[in-house]
Amino acid sequence: MFLRLAAQYQDLVKDLVLTLDALAQSLKNHGLTASCYTCGTDGNHGASFVADLRDGHAVRFLVCDHGISWVEMRNGVELVKLEGADAIRELDRLSQHLRSLQRQRLESSMTEASWRSAGLLPVHRLDLSSPQPEG
């Protein structure tokens, strides 16, 4: 049983390493400073993820065979340190926030005509800003 649990944990570490690498790249695409350094012969034994979220706010997520941790800092001062499942939940919260920013950026970049041509707006939309004729 213990060998199975160890193998499952190693799979979790590998999945987190891949996710951290992708998250760092996505944050870079949004103009934020982020890095993900991996360790091990194949790069799947651990990772150190750091992201500068501006205004002196930064996060660090570490994953390896010895554990998982999340540290939030402001101006170099550690504010929050979480480990294990709590650390993974914070990583998920950051990832969800990034996805919502991507959706907002996409929505604001599309014009009404492109929404309509994509079939996302009804062609005869009521304009609620002007009074409607009674009839």
N, C-alpha and C. Protein backbone atom coordinates (compact mmCIF):
# COMPACT_ATOMS: atom_id res chain seq x y z
N MET A 1 0.82 -1.19 0.00
CA MET A 1 0.00 0.00 0.00
C MET A 1 0.88 1.27 0.00
N PHE A 2 1.95 1.28 0.77
CA PHE A 2 2.78 2.48 0.88
C PHE A 2 3.50 2.78 -0.43
N LEU A 3 3.89 1.74 -1.14
CA LEU A 3 4.53 1.96 -2.44
C LEU A 3 3.55 2.56 -3.43
N ARG A 4 2.30 2.14 -3.37
CA ARG A 4 1.27 2.71 -4.25
C ARG A 4 1.05 4.18 -3.92
N LEU A 5 0.99 4.52 -2.63
CA LEU A 5 0.83 5.92 -2.23
C LEU A 5 2.02 6.77 -2.65
N ALA A 6 3.21 6.21 -2.54
CA ALA A 6 4.41 6.94 -2.98
C ALA A 6 4.37 7.20 -4.47
N ALA A 7 3.93 6.21 -5.24
CA ALA A 7 3.83 6.38 -6.70
C ALA A 7 2.78 7.43 -7.05
N GLN A 8 1.66 7.42 -6.31
CA GLN A 8 0.61 8.42 -6.56
C GLN A 8 1.12 9.83 -6.25
N TYR A 9 1.89 9.97 -5.18
CA TYR A 9 2.44 11.27 -4.83
C TYR A 9 3.42 11.74 -5.91
N GLN A 10 4.24 10.83 -6.41
CA GLN A 10 5.18 11.19 -7.48
C GLN A 10 4.42 11.64 -8.73
N ASP A 11 3.29 11.00 -9.03
CA ASP A 11 2.47 11.43 -10.16
C ASP A 11 1.89 12.82 -9.91
N LEU A 12 1.47 13.08 -8.67
CA LEU A 12 0.96 14.41 -8.31
C LEU A 12 2.04 15.47 -8.52
N VAL A 13 3.26 15.17 -8.08
CA VAL A 13 4.37 16.12 -8.25
C VAL A 13 4.60 16.39 -9.73
N LYS A 14 4.60 15.35 -10.56
CA LYS A 14 4.79 15.54 -12.00
C LYS A 14 3.70 16.41 -12.59
N ASP A 15 2.44 16.15 -12.20
CA ASP A 15 1.32 16.96 -12.71
C ASP A 15 1.46 18.42 -12.28
N LEU A 16 1.83 18.64 -11.03
CA LEU A 16 2.00 20.01 -10.55
C LEU A 16 3.14 20.73 -11.27
N VAL A 17 4.23 20.03 -11.55
CA VAL A 17 5.34 20.63 -12.27
C VAL A 17 4.89 21.11 -13.65
N LEU A 18 4.16 20.26 -14.36
CA LEU A 18 3.65 20.64 -15.68
C LEU A 18 2.70 21.84 -15.58
N THR A 19 1.83 21.82 -14.59
CA THR A 19 0.87 22.90 -14.39
C THR A 19 1.58 24.21 -14.05
N LEU A 20 2.57 24.15 -13.19
CA LEU A 20 3.30 25.35 -12.81
C LEU A 20 4.03 25.96 -14.00
N ASP A 21 4.60 25.12 -14.82
CA ASP A 21 5.30 25.60 -16.01
C ASP A 21 4.33 26.32 -16.95
N ALA A 22 3.16 25.72 -17.16
CA ALA A 22 2.14 26.34 -18.02
C ALA A 22 1.62 27.64 -17.41
N LEU A 23 1.42 27.67 -16.10
CA LEU A 23 0.93 28.87 -15.43
C LEU A 23 1.95 30.00 -15.55
N ALA A 24 3.22 29.68 -15.38
CA ALA A 24 4.26 30.71 -15.53
C ALA A 24 4.24 31.30 -16.93
N GLN A 25 4.11 30.44 -17.93
CA GLN A 25 4.07 30.93 -19.31
C GLN A 25 2.84 31.82 -19.55
N SER A 26 1.71 31.41 -19.01
CA SER A 26 0.48 32.19 -19.18
C SER A 26 0.60 33.55 -18.50
N LEU A 27 1.18 33.58 -17.31
CA LEU A 27 1.37 34.87 -16.63
C LEU A 27 2.31 35.77 -17.42
N LYS A 28 3.35 35.19 -17.99
CA LYS A 28 4.27 35.97 -18.84
C LYS A 28 3.52 36.55 -20.02
N ASN A 29 2.61 35.77 -20.61
CA ASN A 29 1.82 36.25 -21.74
C ASN A 29 0.93 37.42 -21.35
N HIS A 30 0.60 37.53 -20.06
CA HIS A 30 -0.21 38.65 -19.56
C HIS A 30 0.65 39.80 -19.08
N GLY A 31 1.95 39.73 -19.32
CA GLY A 31 2.83 40.83 -18.97
C GLY A 31 3.34 40.80 -17.54
N LEU A 32 3.12 39.71 -16.83
CA LEU A 32 3.62 39.60 -15.47
C LEU A 32 4.95 38.85 -15.48
N THR A 33 5.76 39.10 -14.48
CA THR A 33 7.02 38.40 -14.35
C THR A 33 6.77 37.10 -13.59
N ALA A 34 7.12 35.99 -14.21
CA ALA A 34 6.92 34.69 -13.58
C ALA A 34 8.00 33.73 -14.06
N SER A 35 8.35 32.78 -13.20
CA SER A 35 9.33 31.78 -13.59
C SER A 35 8.98 30.45 -12.94
N CYS A 36 9.40 29.39 -13.60
CA CYS A 36 9.23 28.05 -13.06
C CYS A 36 10.51 27.27 -13.34
N TYR A 37 11.21 26.93 -12.30
CA TYR A 37 12.44 26.15 -12.42
C TYR A 37 12.15 24.73 -11.95
N THR A 38 12.55 23.76 -12.74
CA THR A 38 12.31 22.37 -12.39
C THR A 38 13.61 21.71 -11.98
N CYS A 39 13.49 20.60 -11.26
CA CYS A 39 14.68 19.86 -10.85
C CYS A 39 14.47 18.37 -11.09
N GLY A 40 15.54 17.64 -11.13
CA GLY A 40 15.49 16.22 -11.41
C GLY A 40 16.01 15.95 -12.81
N THR A 41 16.30 14.71 -13.08
CA THR A 41 16.88 14.36 -14.38
C THR A 41 15.95 14.64 -15.54
N ASP A 42 14.65 14.42 -15.34
CA ASP A 42 13.69 14.68 -16.42
C ASP A 42 12.83 15.91 -16.14
N GLY A 43 13.17 16.67 -15.10
CA GLY A 43 12.44 17.90 -14.79
C GLY A 43 11.12 17.66 -14.09
N ASN A 44 10.85 16.43 -13.67
CA ASN A 44 9.56 16.12 -13.05
C ASN A 44 9.65 15.78 -11.57
N HIS A 45 10.77 16.08 -10.93
CA HIS A 45 10.93 15.73 -9.52
C HIS A 45 10.61 16.88 -8.58
N GLY A 46 10.42 18.05 -9.14
CA GLY A 46 10.09 19.19 -8.31
C GLY A 46 10.16 20.47 -9.11
N ALA A 47 9.60 21.54 -8.54
CA ALA A 47 9.63 22.83 -9.22
C ALA A 47 9.53 23.95 -8.20
N SER A 48 10.07 25.08 -8.59
CA SER A 48 9.95 26.31 -7.85
C SER A 48 9.30 27.32 -8.78
N PHE A 49 8.10 27.76 -8.44
CA PHE A 49 7.34 28.71 -9.23
C PHE A 49 7.31 30.03 -8.46
N VAL A 50 7.65 31.12 -9.13
CA VAL A 50 7.60 32.45 -8.51
C VAL A 50 6.92 33.39 -9.49
N ALA A 51 5.99 34.19 -8.98
CA ALA A 51 5.31 35.18 -9.82
C ALA A 51 5.25 36.51 -9.09
N ASP A 52 5.61 37.56 -9.80
CA ASP A 52 5.49 38.93 -9.30
C ASP A 52 4.16 39.45 -9.79
N LEU A 53 3.22 39.66 -8.85
CA LEU A 53 1.87 40.10 -9.21
C LEU A 53 1.71 41.61 -9.14
N ARG A 54 2.81 42.32 -9.14
CA ARG A 54 2.88 43.79 -9.14
C ARG A 54 2.59 44.38 -7.76
N ASP A 55 2.87 45.64 -7.62
CA ASP A 55 2.68 46.38 -6.37
C ASP A 55 3.39 45.71 -5.19
N GLY A 56 4.53 45.09 -5.45
CA GLY A 56 5.28 44.46 -4.37
C GLY A 56 4.72 43.13 -3.91
N HIS A 57 3.69 42.64 -4.58
CA HIS A 57 3.03 41.39 -4.19
C HIS A 57 3.59 40.25 -5.03
N ALA A 58 4.05 39.19 -4.38
CA ALA A 58 4.61 38.04 -5.09
C ALA A 58 4.16 36.76 -4.42
N VAL A 59 4.18 35.68 -5.19
CA VAL A 59 3.86 34.36 -4.65
C VAL A 59 4.96 33.39 -5.05
N ARG A 60 5.15 32.39 -4.20
CA ARG A 60 6.10 31.32 -4.50
C ARG A 60 5.42 30.00 -4.16
N PHE A 61 5.50 29.07 -5.09
CA PHE A 61 4.93 27.74 -4.89
C PHE A 61 6.05 26.74 -5.11
N LEU A 62 6.30 25.91 -4.11
CA LEU A 62 7.35 24.90 -4.20
C LEU A 62 6.71 23.52 -4.13
N VAL A 63 7.15 22.63 -4.98
CA VAL A 63 6.68 21.25 -4.95
C VAL A 63 7.88 20.33 -5.16
N CYS A 64 7.96 19.30 -4.33
CA CYS A 64 9.03 18.31 -4.47
C CYS A 64 8.62 17.06 -3.71
N ASP A 65 9.50 16.10 -3.68
CA ASP A 65 9.21 14.85 -2.97
C ASP A 65 9.03 15.08 -1.46
N HIS A 66 9.51 16.20 -0.95
CA HIS A 66 9.45 16.46 0.49
C HIS A 66 8.21 17.25 0.90
N GLY A 67 7.48 17.81 -0.04
CA GLY A 67 6.30 18.56 0.33
C GLY A 67 5.90 19.61 -0.70
N ILE A 68 4.84 20.31 -0.35
CA ILE A 68 4.26 21.33 -1.21
C ILE A 68 4.01 22.56 -0.34
N SER A 69 4.42 23.74 -0.83
CA SER A 69 4.16 24.94 -0.04
C SER A 69 3.85 26.13 -0.94
N TRP A 70 3.09 27.06 -0.39
CA TRP A 70 2.70 28.31 -1.04
C TRP A 70 3.07 29.44 -0.09
N VAL A 71 3.78 30.43 -0.59
CA VAL A 71 4.15 31.58 0.22
C VAL A 71 3.73 32.84 -0.53
N GLU A 72 3.03 33.72 0.17
CA GLU A 72 2.63 35.01 -0.39
C GLU A 72 3.45 36.08 0.32
N MET A 73 3.98 37.01 -0.46
CA MET A 73 4.83 38.06 0.10
C MET A 73 4.41 39.43 -0.42
N ARG A 74 4.64 40.43 0.39
CA ARG A 74 4.47 41.82 -0.05
C ARG A 74 5.71 42.57 0.38
N ASN A 75 6.37 43.18 -0.62
CA ASN A 75 7.62 43.92 -0.39
C ASN A 75 8.65 43.07 0.36
N GLY A 76 8.73 41.80 0.00
CA GLY A 76 9.72 40.90 0.58
C GLY A 76 9.36 40.34 1.95
N VAL A 77 8.22 40.74 2.49
CA VAL A 77 7.80 40.25 3.80
C VAL A 77 6.78 39.13 3.61
N GLU A 78 7.04 38.00 4.23
CA GLU A 78 6.14 36.85 4.11
C GLU A 78 4.83 37.15 4.84
N LEU A 79 3.72 37.03 4.10
CA LEU A 79 2.40 37.27 4.67
C LEU A 79 1.68 35.98 5.02
N VAL A 80 1.73 35.03 4.10
CA VAL A 80 0.98 33.78 4.26
C VAL A 80 1.87 32.63 3.81
N LYS A 81 1.85 31.55 4.59
CA LYS A 81 2.52 30.32 4.17
C LYS A 81 1.55 29.17 4.38
N LEU A 82 1.28 28.45 3.29
CA LEU A 82 0.38 27.31 3.34
C LEU A 82 1.11 26.08 2.84
N GLU A 83 0.68 24.93 3.30
CA GLU A 83 1.31 23.69 2.87
C GLU A 83 0.26 22.67 2.46
N GLY A 84 0.69 21.69 1.67
CA GLY A 84 -0.17 20.58 1.28
C GLY A 84 -1.38 21.01 0.47
N ALA A 85 -2.54 20.49 0.86
CA ALA A 85 -3.78 20.74 0.12
C ALA A 85 -4.14 22.22 0.11
N ASP A 86 -3.88 22.93 1.21
CA ASP A 86 -4.18 24.37 1.26
C ASP A 86 -3.34 25.12 0.23
N ALA A 87 -2.10 24.72 0.06
CA ALA A 87 -1.23 25.36 -0.94
C ALA A 87 -1.76 25.11 -2.34
N ILE A 88 -2.22 23.90 -2.60
CA ILE A 88 -2.77 23.58 -3.93
C ILE A 88 -4.04 24.37 -4.18
N ARG A 89 -4.87 24.56 -3.16
CA ARG A 89 -6.09 25.36 -3.32
C ARG A 89 -5.76 26.81 -3.69
N GLU A 90 -4.71 27.38 -3.09
CA GLU A 90 -4.30 28.75 -3.44
C GLU A 90 -3.80 28.82 -4.87
N LEU A 91 -3.08 27.80 -5.30
CA LEU A 91 -2.62 27.74 -6.68
C LEU A 91 -3.82 27.69 -7.62
N ASP A 92 -4.83 26.94 -7.26
CA ASP A 92 -6.05 26.86 -8.08
C ASP A 92 -6.76 28.21 -8.11
N ARG A 93 -6.79 28.91 -6.98
CA ARG A 93 -7.43 30.23 -6.93
C ARG A 93 -6.72 31.20 -7.88
N LEU A 94 -5.40 31.17 -7.88
CA LEU A 94 -4.63 32.02 -8.79
C LEU A 94 -4.92 31.65 -10.24
N SER A 95 -4.98 30.37 -10.52
CA SER A 95 -5.26 29.90 -11.88
C SER A 95 -6.66 30.33 -12.33
N GLN A 96 -7.66 30.21 -11.45
CA GLN A 96 -9.02 30.63 -11.80
C GLN A 96 -9.08 32.13 -12.05
N HIS A 97 -8.35 32.89 -11.26
CA HIS A 97 -8.32 34.35 -11.45
C HIS A 97 -7.71 34.69 -12.81
N LEU A 98 -6.66 33.98 -13.17
CA LEU A 98 -6.04 34.19 -14.48
C LEU A 98 -7.02 33.87 -15.61
N ARG A 99 -7.76 32.77 -15.48
CA ARG A 99 -8.75 32.42 -16.51
C ARG A 99 -9.84 33.48 -16.62
N SER A 100 -10.27 34.05 -15.50
CA SER A 100 -11.30 35.10 -15.57
C SER A 100 -10.75 36.35 -16.25
N LEU A 101 -9.47 36.67 -16.01
CA LEU A 101 -8.86 37.80 -16.69
C LEU A 101 -8.77 37.55 -18.19
N GLN A 102 -8.45 36.33 -18.58
CA GLN A 102 -8.39 35.98 -20.00
C GLN A 102 -9.77 36.13 -20.64
N ARG A 103 -10.82 35.68 -19.97
CA ARG A 103 -12.19 35.82 -20.50
C ARG A 103 -12.56 37.28 -20.65
N GLN A 104 -12.24 38.10 -19.64
CA GLN A 104 -12.54 39.52 -19.71
C GLN A 104 -11.80 40.18 -20.87
N ARG A 105 -10.55 39.82 -21.06
CA ARG A 105 -9.77 40.39 -22.16
C ARG A 105 -10.38 39.99 -23.50
N LEU A 106 -10.78 38.74 -23.63
CA LEU A 106 -11.39 38.27 -24.86
C LEU A 106 -12.70 38.98 -25.13
N GLU A 107 -13.54 39.11 -24.09
CA GLU A 107 -14.82 39.77 -24.25
C GLU A 107 -14.66 41.24 -24.63
N SER A 108 -13.70 41.91 -24.03
CA SER A 108 -13.53 43.33 -24.34
C SER A 108 -12.89 43.55 -25.71
N SER A 109 -12.18 42.55 -26.22
CA SER A 109 -11.54 42.72 -27.52
C SER A 109 -12.49 42.43 -28.68
N MET A 110 -13.55 41.72 -28.41
CA MET A 110 -14.50 41.40 -29.49
C MET A 110 -15.51 42.54 -29.64
N THR A 111 -15.73 42.96 -30.85
CA THR A 111 -16.74 43.99 -31.10
C THR A 111 -18.11 43.34 -31.16
N GLU A 112 -19.14 44.14 -31.09
CA GLU A 112 -20.50 43.62 -31.17
C GLU A 112 -20.72 42.89 -32.49
N ALA A 113 -20.15 43.41 -33.58
CA ALA A 113 -20.32 42.77 -34.89
C ALA A 113 -19.69 41.38 -34.89
N SER A 114 -18.52 41.26 -34.27
CA SER A 114 -17.89 39.94 -34.25
C SER A 114 -18.65 38.98 -33.35
N TRP A 115 -19.26 39.52 -32.27
CA TRP A 115 -20.10 38.66 -31.42
C TRP A 115 -21.30 38.18 -32.22
N ARG A 116 -21.91 39.11 -32.98
CA ARG A 116 -23.10 38.76 -33.75
C ARG A 116 -22.74 37.74 -34.84
N SER A 117 -21.60 37.95 -35.52
CA SER A 117 -21.21 37.02 -36.57
C SER A 117 -20.86 35.64 -36.00
N ALA A 118 -20.43 35.62 -34.75
CA ALA A 118 -20.13 34.34 -34.10
C ALA A 118 -21.39 33.68 -33.56
N GLY A 119 -22.54 34.39 -33.70
CA GLY A 119 -23.80 33.84 -33.23
C GLY A 119 -23.98 33.95 -31.73
N LEU A 120 -23.25 34.88 -31.10
CA LEU A 120 -23.32 35.00 -29.66
C LEU A 120 -24.26 36.11 -29.20
N LEU A 121 -24.72 36.95 -30.12
CA LEU A 121 -25.70 37.99 -29.80
C LEU A 121 -26.89 37.83 -30.75
N PRO A 122 -28.09 38.07 -30.26
CA PRO A 122 -29.22 38.03 -31.19
C PRO A 122 -29.11 39.18 -32.19
N VAL A 123 -29.55 38.94 -33.41
CA VAL A 123 -29.46 39.95 -34.45
C VAL A 123 -30.34 41.15 -34.13
N HIS A 124 -31.53 40.95 -33.58
CA HIS A 124 -32.45 42.03 -33.27
C HIS A 124 -32.47 42.26 -31.76
N ARG A 125 -31.41 42.82 -31.26
CA ARG A 125 -31.27 43.07 -29.84
C ARG A 125 -31.96 44.39 -29.51
N LEU A 126 -32.71 44.42 -28.41
CA LEU A 126 -33.37 45.65 -27.99
C LEU A 126 -32.34 46.60 -27.42
N ASP A 127 -32.45 47.87 -27.79
CA ASP A 127 -31.59 48.88 -27.22
C ASP A 127 -32.31 49.44 -26.01
N LEU A 128 -31.88 49.09 -24.82
CA LEU A 128 -32.56 49.49 -23.60
C LEU A 128 -32.20 50.90 -23.16
N SER A 129 -31.28 51.54 -23.88
CA SER A 129 -30.88 52.89 -23.48
C SER A 129 -31.84 53.95 -24.00
N SER A 130 -32.65 53.64 -25.00
CA SER A 130 -33.60 54.62 -25.52
C SER A 130 -35.02 54.14 -25.27
N PRO A 131 -35.96 55.05 -25.16
CA PRO A 131 -37.34 54.65 -24.89
C PRO A 131 -37.89 53.83 -26.04
N GLN A 132 -38.64 52.79 -25.72
CA GLN A 132 -39.23 51.93 -26.72
C GLN A 132 -40.64 52.42 -27.05
N PRO A 133 -41.02 52.39 -28.35
CA PRO A 133 -42.38 52.83 -28.70
C PRO A 133 -43.40 51.85 -28.14
N GLU A 134 -44.49 52.41 -27.65
CA GLU A 134 -45.56 51.56 -27.13
C GLU A 134 -46.46 51.17 -28.28
N GLY A 135 -46.94 49.98 -28.26
CA GLY A 135 -47.78 49.61 -29.39
C GLY A 135 -48.61 48.48 -29.19
